[in-house]
Protein backbone atom coordinates (compact mmCIF):
# COMPACT_ATOMS: atom_id res chain seq x y z
CA MET A 1 89.18 193.05 82.09
CA TRP A 2 90.49 195.15 79.17
CA GLY A 3 91.28 198.25 81.20
CA GLU A 4 89.73 201.67 81.04
CA GLY A 5 88.96 203.04 77.65
CA ALA A 6 89.45 199.76 75.86
CA VAL A 7 86.88 199.31 73.15
CA PRO A 8 86.58 195.83 71.65
CA GLN A 9 86.26 195.87 67.88
CA THR A 10 85.31 192.98 65.64
CA ARG A 11 86.93 192.41 62.28
CA GLY A 12 84.96 189.89 60.29
CA SER A 13 83.85 186.84 62.21
CA GLU A 14 87.21 185.57 63.57
CA ALA A 15 89.50 188.40 64.60
CA THR A 16 88.94 190.67 67.58
CA CYS A 17 91.09 193.65 68.48
CA TYR A 18 91.51 194.85 72.08
CA ASN A 19 93.91 197.79 72.51
CA GLY A 20 95.87 196.82 69.40
CA LYS A 21 96.24 193.16 70.36
CA LEU A 22 94.84 190.95 67.66
CA ARG A 23 93.49 187.55 68.69
CA TYR A 24 92.65 184.65 66.39
CA GLY A 25 90.92 181.88 68.30
CA GLY A 26 93.09 182.34 71.40
CA MET A 27 96.36 182.92 69.50
CA SER A 28 98.19 186.17 68.95
CA ALA A 29 98.71 187.37 65.39
CA SER A 30 102.40 186.41 65.42
CA GLU A 31 101.57 182.84 66.47
CA SER A 32 99.00 182.41 63.73
CA HIS A 33 101.53 183.19 60.98
CA ARG A 34 104.45 181.02 62.08
CA TYR A 35 105.85 178.53 59.61
CA ARG A 36 105.40 174.88 60.43
CA SER A 37 107.63 172.53 58.49
CA THR A 38 105.97 169.63 56.72
CA ALA A 39 109.25 167.90 55.84
CA ASP A 40 109.96 164.38 57.01
CA PRO A 41 112.47 164.54 59.90
CA GLN A 42 114.35 161.47 58.53
CA HIS A 43 115.40 160.14 61.94
CA GLU A 44 116.62 156.79 60.62
CA LEU A 45 118.77 158.40 57.94
CA ARG A 46 120.27 160.81 60.46
CA LEU A 47 121.07 157.92 62.79
CA ARG A 48 122.73 155.94 59.99
CA LEU A 49 124.78 158.98 58.93
CA LYS A 50 125.94 159.39 62.52
CA GLU A 51 126.93 155.70 62.66
CA LEU A 52 128.86 156.03 59.39
CA ALA A 53 130.60 159.17 60.64
CA ALA A 54 131.69 157.33 63.79
CA ALA A 55 132.86 154.22 61.92
CA ARG A 56 134.46 155.99 58.95
CA VAL A 57 135.93 159.16 60.39
CA ARG A 58 137.72 160.12 57.19
CA TYR A 59 134.54 159.91 55.07
CA GLY A 60 133.28 163.40 54.33
CA TYR A 61 129.82 164.62 53.40
CA ARG A 62 130.48 163.70 49.76
CA ARG A 63 131.47 160.11 50.39
CA ARG A 64 128.87 159.10 52.98
CA PRO A 65 125.83 159.49 50.66
CA GLY A 66 127.47 157.15 48.13
CA ARG A 67 127.87 154.58 50.86
CA LEU A 68 124.22 155.04 51.85
CA ARG A 69 123.04 154.58 48.26
CA ARG A 70 124.82 151.23 48.15
CA GLU A 71 122.79 150.29 51.25
CA SER A 72 119.52 151.28 49.47
CA TRP A 73 118.98 154.58 51.31
CA PRO A 74 117.54 157.45 49.26
CA SER A 75 120.37 159.95 49.57
CA ASN A 76 122.47 162.43 47.61
CA VAL A 77 125.34 164.81 48.34
CA LYS A 78 123.10 167.82 48.99
CA ARG A 79 120.96 165.95 51.52
CA GLY A 80 124.08 164.56 53.20
CA TYR A 81 125.57 168.03 53.49
CA ARG A 82 122.34 169.48 54.90
CA LEU A 83 121.98 166.71 57.49
CA ASP A 84 125.65 167.03 58.48
CA THR A 85 125.41 170.79 59.01
CA GLU A 86 122.18 170.41 61.00
CA ALA A 87 123.83 167.73 63.17
CA ARG A 88 126.76 170.07 63.85
CA LYS A 89 124.37 172.84 64.92
CA ILE A 90 122.61 170.53 67.36
CA ALA A 91 125.80 169.05 68.85
């Protein structure tokens, strides 16, 4: 299974090394250290920003958050800019 000359080694109780490949419970070492975002994706806010951008074409990223605050959305210029740039990357 591991090829000729492969010697399994155990590090602690979790990690096992076979020919330099480290496995943690079925995952490779690179998969075990990947960042997973815990931020709220804010789908409703993104949708409302997109609607505002379509309705008010001349409103920029600075003006749209003010409009959202008047509609009781928790928003500021920095968040509006970030969501706008992320929307441009996706589209």
